[in-house]
Amino acid sequence: MEDAVFGVLDTARLEGAEPTRPAVAGVAAAAADRLLSVALSLRDAATVYHRWSTPIGHDYDRDIAGEHQALVDAVIARDADAASRLLAQHIDRTSASLRAVTHSEIEHAG
């Protein structure tokens, strides 16, 4: 969002004008809408994985709350490397459990 707002400011200045408040507000609102859209899309995808991972993926021996807390802790600490690693591990584990079931189903059907 910040890049979009500064882009409007830079473009206006290059053209020899000062950006109007509505122009900056419009860009900020559009960027906020896009960010909200991405967040809602991620939430929807996470809900599907969450609903499938235990009953379908049979991944019963994990501490999901602990994984989430570790992610929150890394984000609060502004440790992007740790947060990225933890998020990738969290997603990969869920995906792996679902892939294992899918492969098993295919082998039994064939």
C-alpha atoms as a PDB file:
ATOM      1  CA  MET A   1       0.000   0.000   0.000  1.00  0.00           C
ATOM      2  CA  GLU A   2       2.804   2.351   0.913  1.00  0.00           C
ATOM      3  CA  ASP A   3       4.422   1.886  -2.515  1.00  0.00           C
ATOM      4  CA  ALA A   4       1.148   2.747  -4.270  1.00  0.00           C
ATOM      5  CA  VAL A   5       0.688   5.922  -2.255  1.00  0.00           C
ATOM      6  CA  PHE A   6       4.268   7.028  -2.802  1.00  0.00           C
ATOM      7  CA  GLY A   7       3.921   6.176  -6.504  1.00  0.00           C
ATOM      8  CA  VAL A   8       1.031   8.627  -6.817  1.00  0.00           C
ATOM      9  CA  LEU A   9       3.047  11.269  -4.988  1.00  0.00           C
ATOM     10  CA  ASP A  10       6.098  10.737  -7.198  1.00  0.00           C
ATOM     11  CA  THR A  11       4.065  10.746 -10.432  1.00  0.00           C
ATOM     12  CA  ALA A  12       2.310  13.977  -9.500  1.00  0.00           C
ATOM     13  CA  ARG A  13       5.578  15.671  -8.601  1.00  0.00           C
ATOM     14  CA  LEU A  14       7.199  14.559 -11.871  1.00  0.00           C
ATOM     15  CA  GLU A  15       4.308  16.134 -13.728  1.00  0.00           C
ATOM     16  CA  GLY A  16       4.853  19.389 -11.802  1.00  0.00           C
ATOM     17  CA  ALA A  17       1.752  19.165  -9.663  1.00  0.00           C
ATOM     18  CA  GLU A  18       1.022  18.286  -6.112  1.00  0.00           C
ATOM     19  CA  PRO A  19      -1.195  15.249  -5.688  1.00  0.00           C
ATOM     20  CA  THR A  20      -4.654  15.944  -4.418  1.00  0.00           C
ATOM     21  CA  ARG A  21      -5.794  14.505  -1.149  1.00  0.00           C
ATOM     22  CA  PRO A  22      -8.585  12.510  -2.864  1.00  0.00           C
ATOM     23  CA  ALA A  23      -6.065  10.970  -5.268  1.00  0.00           C
ATOM     24  CA  VAL A  24      -3.840   9.786  -2.433  1.00  0.00           C
ATOM     25  CA  ALA A  25      -6.851   8.611  -0.423  1.00  0.00           C
ATOM     26  CA  GLY A  26      -8.189   6.741  -3.450  1.00  0.00           C
ATOM     27  CA  VAL A  27      -4.932   4.888  -3.969  1.00  0.00           C
ATOM     28  CA  ALA A  28      -4.707   4.072  -0.266  1.00  0.00           C
ATOM     29  CA  ALA A  29      -8.296   2.781  -0.260  1.00  0.00           C
ATOM     30  CA  ALA A  30      -7.678   0.625  -3.324  1.00  0.00           C
ATOM     31  CA  ALA A  31      -4.534  -0.817  -1.775  1.00  0.00           C
ATOM     32  CA  ALA A  32      -6.402  -1.490   1.475  1.00  0.00           C
ATOM     33  CA  ASP A  33      -9.168  -3.266  -0.475  1.00  0.00           C
ATOM     34  CA  ARG A  34      -6.561  -5.425  -2.230  1.00  0.00           C
ATOM     35  CA  LEU A  35      -4.890  -6.268   1.082  1.00  0.00           C
ATOM     36  CA  LEU A  36      -8.256  -7.204   2.589  1.00  0.00           C
ATOM     37  CA  SER A  37      -9.026  -9.377  -0.426  1.00  0.00           C
ATOM     38  CA  VAL A  38      -5.715 -11.230  -0.062  1.00  0.00           C
ATOM     39  CA  ALA A  39      -6.259 -11.702   3.684  1.00  0.00           C
ATOM     40  CA  LEU A  40      -9.775 -13.090   3.150  1.00  0.00           C
ATOM     41  CA  SER A  41      -8.553 -15.429   0.428  1.00  0.00           C
ATOM     42  CA  LEU A  42      -5.809 -16.754   2.705  1.00  0.00           C
ATOM     43  CA  ARG A  43      -8.325 -17.204   5.520  1.00  0.00           C
ATOM     44  CA  ASP A  44     -10.652 -19.182   3.243  1.00  0.00           C
ATOM     45  CA  ALA A  45      -7.838 -21.452   2.071  1.00  0.00           C
ATOM     46  CA  ALA A  46      -6.655 -21.989   5.656  1.00  0.00           C
ATOM     47  CA  THR A  47     -10.191 -22.942   6.704  1.00  0.00           C
ATOM     48  CA  VAL A  48     -10.339 -25.650   4.040  1.00  0.00           C
ATOM     49  CA  TYR A  49      -6.947 -27.088   5.015  1.00  0.00           C
ATOM     50  CA  HIS A  50      -7.853 -26.939   8.698  1.00  0.00           C
ATOM     51  CA  ARG A  51     -11.107 -28.817   8.135  1.00  0.00           C
ATOM     52  CA  TRP A  52      -9.408 -31.497   6.069  1.00  0.00           C
ATOM     53  CA  SER A  53      -6.103 -32.000   7.896  1.00  0.00           C
ATOM     54  CA  THR A  54      -7.315 -33.983  10.904  1.00  0.00           C
ATOM     55  CA  PRO A  55     -10.328 -35.993   9.697  1.00  0.00           C
ATOM     56  CA  ILE A  56      -8.952 -36.682   6.220  1.00  0.00           C
ATOM     57  CA  GLY A  57      -5.198 -36.334   6.710  1.00  0.00           C
ATOM     58  CA  HIS A  58      -5.244 -38.199  10.049  1.00  0.00           C
ATOM     59  CA  ASP A  59      -2.612 -35.841  11.444  1.00  0.00           C
ATOM     60  CA  TYR A  60      -3.604 -36.224  15.100  1.00  0.00           C
ATOM     61  CA  ASP A  61      -0.256 -35.847  16.874  1.00  0.00           C
ATOM     62  CA  ARG A  62       0.520 -32.205  16.245  1.00  0.00           C
ATOM     63  CA  ASP A  63       0.235 -29.115  18.385  1.00  0.00           C
ATOM     64  CA  ILE A  64      -1.501 -26.706  16.020  1.00  0.00           C
ATOM     65  CA  ALA A  65      -1.997 -24.082  18.741  1.00  0.00           C
ATOM     66  CA  GLY A  66       1.726 -24.316  19.524  1.00  0.00           C
ATOM     67  CA  GLU A  67       2.609 -23.933  15.843  1.00  0.00           C
ATOM     68  CA  HIS A  68       0.389 -20.864  15.605  1.00  0.00           C
ATOM     69  CA  GLN A  69       1.897 -19.385  18.769  1.00  0.00           C
ATOM     70  CA  ALA A  70       5.415 -19.897  17.439  1.00  0.00           C
ATOM     71  CA  LEU A  71       4.399 -18.053  14.264  1.00  0.00           C
ATOM     72  CA  VAL A  72       2.900 -15.185  16.263  1.00  0.00           C
ATOM     73  CA  ASP A  73       6.023 -14.987  18.427  1.00  0.00           C
ATOM     74  CA  ALA A  74       8.273 -14.813  15.354  1.00  0.00           C
ATOM     75  CA  VAL A  75       6.118 -12.098  13.769  1.00  0.00           C
ATOM     76  CA  ILE A  76       6.020 -10.031  16.957  1.00  0.00           C
ATOM     77  CA  ALA A  77       9.794 -10.397  17.237  1.00  0.00           C
ATOM     78  CA  ARG A  78      10.014  -9.203  13.600  1.00  0.00           C
ATOM     79  CA  ASP A  79      12.031 -12.302  12.770  1.00  0.00           C
ATOM     80  CA  ALA A  80      11.022 -12.693   9.127  1.00  0.00           C
ATOM     81  CA  ASP A  81      13.320 -15.668   8.537  1.00  0.00           C
ATOM     82  CA  ALA A  82      11.887 -17.632  11.461  1.00  0.00           C
ATOM     83  CA  ALA A  83       8.301 -16.654  10.592  1.00  0.00           C
ATOM     84  CA  SER A  84       8.788 -17.706   6.963  1.00  0.00           C
ATOM     85  CA  ARG A  85      10.364 -21.002   7.988  1.00  0.00           C
ATOM     86  CA  LEU A  86       7.658 -21.772  10.565  1.00  0.00           C
ATOM     87  CA  LEU A  87       4.853 -20.901   8.155  1.00  0.00           C
ATOM     88  CA  ALA A  88       6.364 -23.077   5.429  1.00  0.00           C
ATOM     89  CA  GLN A  89       6.728 -25.999   7.870  1.00  0.00           C
ATOM     90  CA  HIS A  90       3.149 -25.527   9.074  1.00  0.00           C
ATOM     91  CA  ILE A  91       1.726 -25.511   5.546  1.00  0.00           C
ATOM     92  CA  ASP A  92       4.008 -28.313   4.322  1.00  0.00           C
ATOM     93  CA  ARG A  93       2.983 -30.635   7.155  1.00  0.00           C
ATOM     94  CA  THR A  94      -0.714 -30.167   6.407  1.00  0.00           C
ATOM     95  CA  SER A  95      -0.146 -30.578   2.674  1.00  0.00           C
ATOM     96  CA  ALA A  96       1.976 -33.704   3.201  1.00  0.00           C
ATOM     97  CA  SER A  97      -0.703 -35.395   5.315  1.00  0.00           C
ATOM     98  CA  LEU A  98      -3.339 -34.704   2.671  1.00  0.00           C
ATOM     99  CA  ARG A  99      -1.055 -35.840  -0.172  1.00  0.00           C
ATOM    100  CA  ALA A 100      -0.364 -39.097   1.671  1.00  0.00           C
ATOM    101  CA  VAL A 101      -4.078 -39.861   1.807  1.00  0.00           C
ATOM    102  CA  THR A 102      -4.530 -38.955  -1.850  1.00  0.00           C
ATOM    103  CA  HIS A 103      -1.657 -41.209  -2.935  1.00  0.00           C
ATOM    104  CA  SER A 104      -2.962 -44.027  -0.756  1.00  0.00           C
ATOM    105  CA  GLU A 105      -6.456 -43.696  -2.260  1.00  0.00           C
ATOM    106  CA  ILE A 106      -5.024 -43.760  -5.789  1.00  0.00           C
ATOM    107  CA  GLU A 107      -2.939 -46.873  -5.057  1.00  0.00           C
ATOM    108  CA  HIS A 108      -5.928 -48.718  -3.587  1.00  0.00           C
ATOM    109  CA  ALA A 109      -8.177 -47.725  -6.502  1.00  0.00           C
ATOM    110  CA  GLY A 110      -5.716 -48.837  -9.143  1.00  0.00           C
END
